[in-house]
Every structure is written in structure tokens, then in C-alpha cells.
Amino acid sequence: MKALGIAFSDAPDRWCGPRPTLADYLPAIGRLQAYPAIHYAFGHQHLGLTLAAVTAEAMEQIALGRPSPKWMEALRIERFG
């Protein structure tokens, strides 16, 4: 880190560990197939605030029964089988 010019303490002063994330590093957004009353949107890693508006708009479409964007299919939690 020092060779790159990044200030880094030899003795860390606070814990900074890994963030929980899904296996493919993509968020899970959608409605459960088995329980359609359950809507979910999680796993945005460090981009939760950045993606909050677009996620809210997509969730609104799902909740109102309107067609959701095609890219949403790739974010269904069922992709993990």
C-alpha cells in the first residue's frame, strides 16, 4: 500500500472487514416465486445508496403488477436454484 502512495496504518485502529455479498456480486431484486407477497431488494454491496432510486422504481413496478425492466430477470434470487 505504501508503495502505491496510500496511507495505511501498520496497526489498524478499527475493524474493516468484508461486506456480505452474493456469489455473483449482483443484488437480488424481485418477488419470490414461491411466496409472491414477499418482495425483496438486497445485496447492493457498497452501492446501496447509489442504486436506491433505480431499485425503488423497479420495486414499484413489481409491487403494482406492471411489467418490470427485462434486466430484472437476471437479479431474481431464484437464479441460485
PDB file of N, CA and C in Angstrom:
ATOM      1  N   MET A   1       0.819  -1.179   0.000  1.00  0.00           N
ATOM      2  CA  MET A   1       0.000   0.000   0.000  1.00  0.00           C
ATOM      3  C   MET A   1       0.873   1.256   0.000  1.00  0.00           C
ATOM      4  N   LYS A   2       1.927   1.222   0.814  1.00  0.00           N
ATOM      5  CA  LYS A   2       2.800   2.388   0.901  1.00  0.00           C
ATOM      6  C   LYS A   2       3.466   2.677  -0.440  1.00  0.00           C
ATOM      7  N   ALA A   3       3.845   1.615  -1.167  1.00  0.00           N
ATOM      8  CA  ALA A   3       4.493   1.780  -2.465  1.00  0.00           C
ATOM      9  C   ALA A   3       3.562   2.467  -3.466  1.00  0.00           C
ATOM     10  N   LEU A   4       2.261   2.322  -3.257  1.00  0.00           N
ATOM     11  CA  LEU A   4       1.283   2.960  -4.140  1.00  0.00           C
ATOM     12  C   LEU A   4       0.936   4.372  -3.685  1.00  0.00           C
ATOM     13  N   GLY A   5       1.512   4.795  -2.560  1.00  0.00           N
ATOM     14  CA  GLY A   5       1.236   6.133  -2.055  1.00  0.00           C
ATOM     15  C   GLY A   5      -0.032   6.228  -1.234  1.00  0.00           C
ATOM     16  N   ILE A   6      -0.525   5.079  -0.793  1.00  0.00           N
ATOM     17  CA  ILE A   6      -1.754   5.053   0.008  1.00  0.00           C
ATOM     18  C   ILE A   6      -1.383   4.971   1.475  1.00  0.00           C
ATOM     19  N   ALA A   7      -1.860   5.919   2.250  1.00  0.00           N
ATOM     20  CA  ALA A   7      -1.582   5.919   3.689  1.00  0.00           C
ATOM     21  C   ALA A   7      -2.319   4.765   4.343  1.00  0.00           C
ATOM     22  N   PHE A   8      -1.562   3.943   5.029  1.00  0.00           N
ATOM     23  CA  PHE A   8      -2.142   2.769   5.672  1.00  0.00           C
ATOM     24  C   PHE A   8      -1.405   2.526   6.972  1.00  0.00           C
ATOM     25  N   SER A   9      -2.118   2.408   8.047  1.00  0.00           N
ATOM     26  CA  SER A   9      -1.521   2.205   9.360  1.00  0.00           C
ATOM     27  C   SER A   9      -0.979   0.788   9.494  1.00  0.00           C
ATOM     28  N   ASP A  10       0.207   0.665  10.103  1.00  0.00           N
ATOM     29  CA  ASP A  10       0.762  -0.667  10.373  1.00  0.00           C
ATOM     30  C   ASP A  10      -0.083  -1.409  11.404  1.00  0.00           C
ATOM     31  N   ALA A  11      -0.704  -0.669  12.298  1.00  0.00           N
ATOM     32  CA  ALA A  11      -1.590  -1.232  13.316  1.00  0.00           C
ATOM     33  C   ALA A  11      -2.973  -0.608  13.107  1.00  0.00           C
ATOM     34  N   PRO A  12      -3.879  -1.325  12.414  1.00  0.00           N
ATOM     35  CA  PRO A  12      -5.209  -0.754  12.151  1.00  0.00           C
ATOM     36  C   PRO A  12      -5.895  -0.281  13.434  1.00  0.00           C
ATOM     37  N   ASP A  13      -6.577   0.847  13.344  1.00  0.00           N
ATOM     38  CA  ASP A  13      -7.241   1.412  14.512  1.00  0.00           C
ATOM     39  C   ASP A  13      -8.726   1.070  14.578  1.00  0.00           C
ATOM     40  N   ARG A  14      -9.229   0.358  13.585  1.00  0.00           N
ATOM     41  CA  ARG A  14     -10.634  -0.062  13.615  1.00  0.00           C
ATOM     42  C   ARG A  14     -10.802  -1.276  12.705  1.00  0.00           C
ATOM     43  N   TRP A  15     -11.866  -2.000  12.958  1.00  0.00           N
ATOM     44  CA  TRP A  15     -12.132  -3.173  12.146  1.00  0.00           C
ATOM     45  C   TRP A  15     -12.745  -2.749  10.822  1.00  0.00           C
ATOM     46  N   CYS A  16     -12.301  -3.343   9.758  1.00  0.00           N
ATOM     47  CA  CYS A  16     -12.853  -3.082   8.429  1.00  0.00           C
ATOM     48  C   CYS A  16     -12.816  -4.400   7.679  1.00  0.00           C
ATOM     49  N   GLY A  17     -13.881  -5.157   7.779  1.00  0.00           N
ATOM     50  CA  GLY A  17     -13.897  -6.493   7.192  1.00  0.00           C
ATOM     51  C   GLY A  17     -14.696  -6.563   5.908  1.00  0.00           C
ATOM     52  N   PRO A  18     -14.818  -7.758   5.387  1.00  0.00           N
ATOM     53  CA  PRO A  18     -15.566  -7.939   4.142  1.00  0.00           C
ATOM     54  C   PRO A  18     -17.056  -7.675   4.342  1.00  0.00           C
ATOM     55  N   ARG A  19     -17.701  -7.225   3.292  1.00  0.00           N
ATOM     56  CA  ARG A  19     -19.142  -6.971   3.318  1.00  0.00           C
ATOM     57  C   ARG A  19     -19.874  -8.217   2.845  1.00  0.00           C
ATOM     58  N   PRO A  20     -21.036  -8.495   3.424  1.00  0.00           N
ATOM     59  CA  PRO A  20     -21.814  -9.622   2.911  1.00  0.00           C
ATOM     60  C   PRO A  20     -22.188  -9.363   1.455  1.00  0.00           C
ATOM     61  N   THR A  21     -22.066 -10.358   0.636  1.00  0.00           N
ATOM     62  CA  THR A  21     -22.388 -10.205  -0.775  1.00  0.00           C
ATOM     63  C   THR A  21     -22.864 -11.538  -1.327  1.00  0.00           C
ATOM     64  N   LEU A  22     -23.540 -11.501  -2.439  1.00  0.00           N
ATOM     65  CA  LEU A  22     -23.988 -12.723  -3.088  1.00  0.00           C
ATOM     66  C   LEU A  22     -22.866 -13.288  -3.947  1.00  0.00           C
ATOM     67  N   ALA A  23     -22.960 -14.545  -4.308  1.00  0.00           N
ATOM     68  CA  ALA A  23     -21.891 -15.247  -5.020  1.00  0.00           C
ATOM     69  C   ALA A  23     -21.502 -14.603  -6.350  1.00  0.00           C
ATOM     70  N   ASP A  24     -22.452 -13.998  -7.040  1.00  0.00           N
ATOM     71  CA  ASP A  24     -22.153 -13.395  -8.347  1.00  0.00           C
ATOM     72  C   ASP A  24     -21.961 -11.881  -8.278  1.00  0.00           C
ATOM     73  N   TYR A  25     -21.946 -11.334  -7.074  1.00  0.00           N
ATOM     74  CA  TYR A  25     -21.722  -9.910  -6.817  1.00  0.00           C
ATOM     75  C   TYR A  25     -22.838  -8.998  -7.335  1.00  0.00           C
ATOM     76  N   LEU A  26     -23.960  -9.571  -7.695  1.00  0.00           N
ATOM     77  CA  LEU A  26     -25.109  -8.783  -8.148  1.00  0.00           C
ATOM     78  C   LEU A  26     -26.145  -8.721  -7.039  1.00  0.00           C
ATOM     79  N   PRO A  27     -26.954  -7.678  -6.993  1.00  0.00           N
ATOM     80  CA  PRO A  27     -28.010  -7.632  -5.977  1.00  0.00           C
ATOM     81  C   PRO A  27     -29.127  -8.612  -6.325  1.00  0.00           C
ATOM     82  N   ALA A  28     -29.956  -8.878  -5.350  1.00  0.00           N
ATOM     83  CA  ALA A  28     -31.154  -9.696  -5.551  1.00  0.00           C
ATOM     84  C   ALA A  28     -32.345  -8.749  -5.456  1.00  0.00           C
ATOM     85  N   ILE A  29     -33.116  -8.677  -6.530  1.00  0.00           N
ATOM     86  CA  ILE A  29     -34.269  -7.777  -6.577  1.00  0.00           C
ATOM     87  C   ILE A  29     -35.414  -8.526  -7.246  1.00  0.00           C
ATOM     88  N   GLY A  30     -36.573  -8.544  -6.611  1.00  0.00           N
ATOM     89  CA  GLY A  30     -37.710  -9.198  -7.238  1.00  0.00           C
ATOM     90  C   GLY A  30     -38.807  -9.579  -6.273  1.00  0.00           C
ATOM     91  N   ARG A  31     -39.571 -10.580  -6.674  1.00  0.00           N
ATOM     92  CA  ARG A  31     -40.693 -11.127  -5.900  1.00  0.00           C
ATOM     93  C   ARG A  31     -40.494 -12.630  -5.847  1.00  0.00           C
ATOM     94  N   LEU A  32     -40.623 -13.213  -4.660  1.00  0.00           N
ATOM     95  CA  LEU A  32     -40.419 -14.655  -4.542  1.00  0.00           C
ATOM     96  C   LEU A  32     -41.462 -15.418  -5.349  1.00  0.00           C
ATOM     97  N   GLN A  33     -41.002 -16.367  -6.125  1.00  0.00           N
ATOM     98  CA  GLN A  33     -41.933 -17.173  -6.914  1.00  0.00           C
ATOM     99  C   GLN A  33     -42.825 -18.022  -6.004  1.00  0.00           C
ATOM    100  N   ALA A  34     -42.235 -18.602  -4.965  1.00  0.00           N
ATOM    101  CA  ALA A  34     -42.993 -19.474  -4.065  1.00  0.00           C
ATOM    102  C   ALA A  34     -43.971 -18.705  -3.181  1.00  0.00           C
ATOM    103  N   TYR A  35     -43.645 -17.459  -2.845  1.00  0.00           N
ATOM    104  CA  TYR A  35     -44.474 -16.621  -1.985  1.00  0.00           C
ATOM    105  C   TYR A  35     -44.563 -15.228  -2.603  1.00  0.00           C
ATOM    106  N   PRO A  36     -45.425 -15.018  -3.576  1.00  0.00           N
ATOM    107  CA  PRO A  36     -45.481 -13.757  -4.321  1.00  0.00           C
ATOM    108  C   PRO A  36     -45.747 -12.500  -3.486  1.00  0.00           C
ATOM    109  N   ALA A  37     -46.210 -12.652  -2.261  1.00  0.00           N
ATOM    110  CA  ALA A  37     -46.434 -11.477  -1.422  1.00  0.00           C
ATOM    111  C   ALA A  37     -45.122 -10.934  -0.867  1.00  0.00           C
ATOM    112  N   ILE A  38     -44.050 -11.700  -1.003  1.00  0.00           N
ATOM    113  CA  ILE A  38     -42.751 -11.275  -0.484  1.00  0.00           C
ATOM    114  C   ILE A  38     -41.932 -10.647  -1.601  1.00  0.00           C
ATOM    115  N   HIS A  39     -41.605  -9.378  -1.412  1.00  0.00           N
ATOM    116  CA  HIS A  39     -40.754  -8.636  -2.343  1.00  0.00           C
ATOM    117  C   HIS A  39     -39.405  -8.436  -1.667  1.00  0.00           C
ATOM    118  N   TYR A  40     -38.339  -8.416  -2.433  1.00  0.00           N
ATOM    119  CA  TYR A  40     -37.015  -8.280  -1.844  1.00  0.00           C
ATOM    120  C   TYR A  40     -36.108  -7.407  -2.709  1.00  0.00           C
ATOM    121  N   ALA A  41     -35.176  -6.759  -2.051  1.00  0.00           N
ATOM    122  CA  ALA A  41     -34.162  -5.943  -2.723  1.00  0.00           C
ATOM    123  C   ALA A  41     -32.990  -5.809  -1.750  1.00  0.00           C
ATOM    124  N   PHE A  42     -31.968  -6.616  -1.956  1.00  0.00           N
ATOM    125  CA  PHE A  42     -30.805  -6.584  -1.064  1.00  0.00           C
ATOM    126  C   PHE A  42     -29.551  -7.013  -1.825  1.00  0.00           C
ATOM    127  N   GLY A  43     -28.415  -6.866  -1.181  1.00  0.00           N
ATOM    128  CA  GLY A  43     -27.162  -7.316  -1.769  1.00  0.00           C
ATOM    129  C   GLY A  43     -26.498  -6.309  -2.694  1.00  0.00           C
ATOM    130  N   HIS A  44     -26.734  -5.019  -2.463  1.00  0.00           N
ATOM    131  CA  HIS A  44     -26.163  -3.977  -3.317  1.00  0.00           C
ATOM    132  C   HIS A  44     -24.712  -3.655  -2.974  1.00  0.00           C
ATOM    133  N   GLN A  45     -24.153  -4.358  -1.990  1.00  0.00           N
ATOM    134  CA  GLN A  45     -22.780  -4.131  -1.534  1.00  0.00           C
ATOM    135  C   GLN A  45     -22.576  -2.672  -1.137  1.00  0.00           C
ATOM    136  N   HIS A  46     -21.591  -2.020  -1.673  1.00  0.00           N
ATOM    137  CA  HIS A  46     -21.303  -0.632  -1.310  1.00  0.00           C
ATOM    138  C   HIS A  46     -22.106   0.364  -2.143  1.00  0.00           C
ATOM    139  N   LEU A  47     -22.982  -0.123  -2.994  1.00  0.00           N
ATOM    140  CA  LEU A  47     -23.719   0.767  -3.893  1.00  0.00           C
ATOM    141  C   LEU A  47     -25.186   0.930  -3.505  1.00  0.00           C
ATOM    142  N   GLY A  48     -25.515   0.630  -2.266  1.00  0.00           N
ATOM    143  CA  GLY A  48     -26.899   0.721  -1.820  1.00  0.00           C
ATOM    144  C   GLY A  48     -27.519   2.090  -2.014  1.00  0.00           C
ATOM    145  N   LEU A  49     -26.824   3.126  -1.595  1.00  0.00           N
ATOM    146  CA  LEU A  49     -27.364   4.475  -1.759  1.00  0.00           C
ATOM    147  C   LEU A  49     -27.368   4.896  -3.226  1.00  0.00           C
ATOM    148  N   THR A  50     -26.332   4.512  -3.944  1.00  0.00           N
ATOM    149  CA  THR A  50     -26.238   4.869  -5.357  1.00  0.00           C
ATOM    150  C   THR A  50     -27.368   4.237  -6.166  1.00  0.00           C
ATOM    151  N   LEU A  51     -27.703   2.994  -5.849  1.00  0.00           N
ATOM    152  CA  LEU A  51     -28.724   2.271  -6.612  1.00  0.00           C
ATOM    153  C   LEU A  51     -30.119   2.344  -5.995  1.00  0.00           C
ATOM    154  N   ALA A  52     -30.273   3.102  -4.906  1.00  0.00           N
ATOM    155  CA  ALA A  52     -31.553   3.154  -4.206  1.00  0.00           C
ATOM    156  C   ALA A  52     -32.700   3.633  -5.100  1.00  0.00           C
ATOM    157  N   ALA A  53     -32.488   4.671  -5.872  1.00  0.00           N
ATOM    158  CA  ALA A  53     -33.579   5.223  -6.683  1.00  0.00           C
ATOM    159  C   ALA A  53     -34.020   4.264  -7.781  1.00  0.00           C
ATOM    160  N   VAL A  54     -33.078   3.701  -8.514  1.00  0.00           N
ATOM    161  CA  VAL A  54     -33.440   2.783  -9.603  1.00  0.00           C
ATOM    162  C   VAL A  54     -34.037   1.489  -9.036  1.00  0.00           C
ATOM    163  N   THR A  55     -33.555   1.062  -7.878  1.00  0.00           N
ATOM    164  CA  THR A  55     -34.124  -0.124  -7.236  1.00  0.00           C
ATOM    165  C   THR A  55     -35.553   0.158  -6.786  1.00  0.00           C
ATOM    166  N   ALA A  56     -35.797   1.317  -6.214  1.00  0.00           N
ATOM    167  CA  ALA A  56     -37.146   1.682  -5.770  1.00  0.00           C
ATOM    168  C   ALA A  56     -38.111   1.745  -6.951  1.00  0.00           C
ATOM    169  N   GLU A  57     -37.667   2.295  -8.060  1.00  0.00           N
ATOM    170  CA  GLU A  57     -38.532   2.360  -9.248  1.00  0.00           C
ATOM    171  C   GLU A  57     -38.859   0.963  -9.758  1.00  0.00           C
ATOM    172  N   ALA A  58     -37.874   0.084  -9.776  1.00  0.00           N
ATOM    173  CA  ALA A  58     -38.114  -1.291 -10.235  1.00  0.00           C
ATOM    174  C   ALA A  58     -39.053  -2.020  -9.275  1.00  0.00           C
ATOM    175  N   MET A  59     -38.853  -1.823  -7.957  1.00  0.00           N
ATOM    176  CA  MET A  59     -39.721  -2.467  -6.972  1.00  0.00           C
ATOM    177  C   MET A  59     -41.156  -1.958  -7.082  1.00  0.00           C
ATOM    178  N   GLU A  60     -41.314  -0.695  -7.395  1.00  0.00           N
ATOM    179  CA  GLU A  60     -42.654  -0.142  -7.591  1.00  0.00           C
ATOM    180  C   GLU A  60     -43.368  -0.860  -8.731  1.00  0.00           C
ATOM    181  N   GLN A  61     -42.667  -1.073  -9.833  1.00  0.00           N
ATOM    182  CA  GLN A  61     -43.264  -1.766 -10.980  1.00  0.00           C
ATOM    183  C   GLN A  61     -43.699  -3.173 -10.586  1.00  0.00           C
ATOM    184  N   ILE A  62     -42.841  -3.864  -9.848  1.00  0.00           N
ATOM    185  CA  ILE A  62     -43.159  -5.231  -9.414  1.00  0.00           C
ATOM    186  C   ILE A  62     -44.356  -5.219  -8.476  1.00  0.00           C
ATOM    187  N   ALA A  63     -44.346  -4.327  -7.482  1.00  0.00           N
ATOM    188  CA  ALA A  63     -45.415  -4.272  -6.481  1.00  0.00           C
ATOM    189  C   ALA A  63     -46.766  -3.935  -7.096  1.00  0.00           C
ATOM    190  N   LEU A  64     -46.760  -3.111  -8.133  1.00  0.00           N
ATOM    191  CA  LEU A  64     -48.011  -2.720  -8.782  1.00  0.00           C
ATOM    192  C   LEU A  64     -48.448  -3.691  -9.881  1.00  0.00           C
ATOM    193  N   GLY A  65     -47.661  -4.738 -10.079  1.00  0.00           N
ATOM    194  CA  GLY A  65     -48.015  -5.735 -11.087  1.00  0.00           C
ATOM    195  C   GLY A  65     -47.767  -5.276 -12.513  1.00  0.00           C
ATOM    196  N   ARG A  66     -46.983  -4.246 -12.672  1.00  0.00           N
ATOM    197  CA  ARG A  66     -46.661  -3.740 -14.011  1.00  0.00           C
ATOM    198  C   ARG A  66     -45.444  -4.476 -14.563  1.00  0.00           C
ATOM    199  N   PRO A  67     -45.272  -4.453 -15.871  1.00  0.00           N
ATOM    200  CA  PRO A  67     -44.080  -5.099 -16.429  1.00  0.00           C
ATOM    201  C   PRO A  67     -42.806  -4.430 -15.893  1.00  0.00           C
ATOM    202  N   SER A  68     -41.892  -5.251 -15.439  1.00  0.00           N
ATOM    203  CA  SER A  68     -40.627  -4.711 -14.938  1.00  0.00           C
ATOM    204  C   SER A  68     -39.593  -4.755 -16.059  1.00  0.00           C
ATOM    205  N   PRO A  69     -38.530  -3.989 -15.926  1.00  0.00           N
ATOM    206  CA  PRO A  69     -37.494  -3.995 -16.961  1.00  0.00           C
ATOM    207  C   PRO A  69     -36.954  -5.408 -17.194  1.00  0.00           C
ATOM    208  N   LYS A  70     -36.589  -5.723 -18.415  1.00  0.00           N
ATOM    209  CA  LYS A  70     -36.119  -7.061 -18.780  1.00  0.00           C
ATOM    210  C   LYS A  70     -34.884  -7.472 -17.973  1.00  0.00           C
ATOM    211  N   TRP A  71     -34.013  -6.512 -17.658  1.00  0.00           N
ATOM    212  CA  TRP A  71     -32.789  -6.832 -16.927  1.00  0.00           C
ATOM    213  C   TRP A  71     -33.063  -7.346 -15.521  1.00  0.00           C
ATOM    214  N   MET A  72     -34.283  -7.126 -15.026  1.00  0.00           N
ATOM    215  CA  MET A  72     -34.634  -7.576 -13.684  1.00  0.00           C
ATOM    216  C   MET A  72     -34.612  -9.098 -13.551  1.00  0.00           C
ATOM    217  N   GLU A  73     -34.859  -9.807 -14.621  1.00  0.00           N
ATOM    218  CA  GLU A  73     -34.857 -11.276 -14.572  1.00  0.00           C
ATOM    219  C   GLU A  73     -33.519 -11.808 -14.071  1.00  0.00           C
ATOM    220  N   ALA A  74     -32.429 -11.143 -14.443  1.00  0.00           N
ATOM    221  CA  ALA A  74     -31.091 -11.593 -14.041  1.00  0.00           C
ATOM    222  C   ALA A  74     -30.840 -11.401 -12.550  1.00  0.00           C
ATOM    223  N   LEU A  75     -31.693 -10.640 -11.869  1.00  0.00           N
ATOM    224  CA  LEU A  75     -31.470 -10.334 -10.459  1.00  0.00           C
ATOM    225  C   LEU A  75     -32.373 -11.121  -9.512  1.00  0.00           C
ATOM    226  N   ARG A  76     -33.178 -12.016 -10.049  1.00  0.00           N
ATOM    227  CA  ARG A  76     -34.068 -12.820  -9.199  1.00  0.00           C
ATOM    228  C   ARG A  76     -33.242 -13.726  -8.292  1.00  0.00           C
ATOM    229  N   ILE A  77     -33.648 -13.891  -7.052  1.00  0.00           N
ATOM    230  CA  ILE A  77     -32.917 -14.739  -6.108  1.00  0.00           C
ATOM    231  C   ILE A  77     -32.977 -16.207  -6.543  1.00  0.00           C
ATOM    232  N   GLU A  78     -33.984 -16.565  -7.304  1.00  0.00           N
ATOM    233  CA  GLU A  78     -34.110 -17.945  -7.771  1.00  0.00           C
ATOM    234  C   GLU A  78     -32.989 -18.334  -8.742  1.00  0.00           C
ATOM    235  N   ARG A  79     -32.194 -17.377  -9.165  1.00  0.00           N
ATOM    236  CA  ARG A  79     -31.076 -17.702 -10.074  1.00  0.00           C
ATOM    237  C   ARG A  79     -30.077 -18.661  -9.412  1.00  0.00           C
ATOM    238  N   PHE A  80     -30.118 -18.745  -8.097  1.00  0.00           N
ATOM    239  CA  PHE A  80     -29.209 -19.641  -7.383  1.00  0.00           C
ATOM    240  C   PHE A  80     -29.784 -21.046  -7.208  1.00  0.00           C
ATOM    241  N   GLY A  81     -30.965 -21.264  -7.764  1.00  0.00           N
ATOM    242  CA  GLY A  81     -31.553 -22.604  -7.763  1.00  0.00           C
ATOM    243  C   GLY A  81     -32.192 -22.943  -6.487  1.00  0.00           C
TER     244      GLY A  81
END
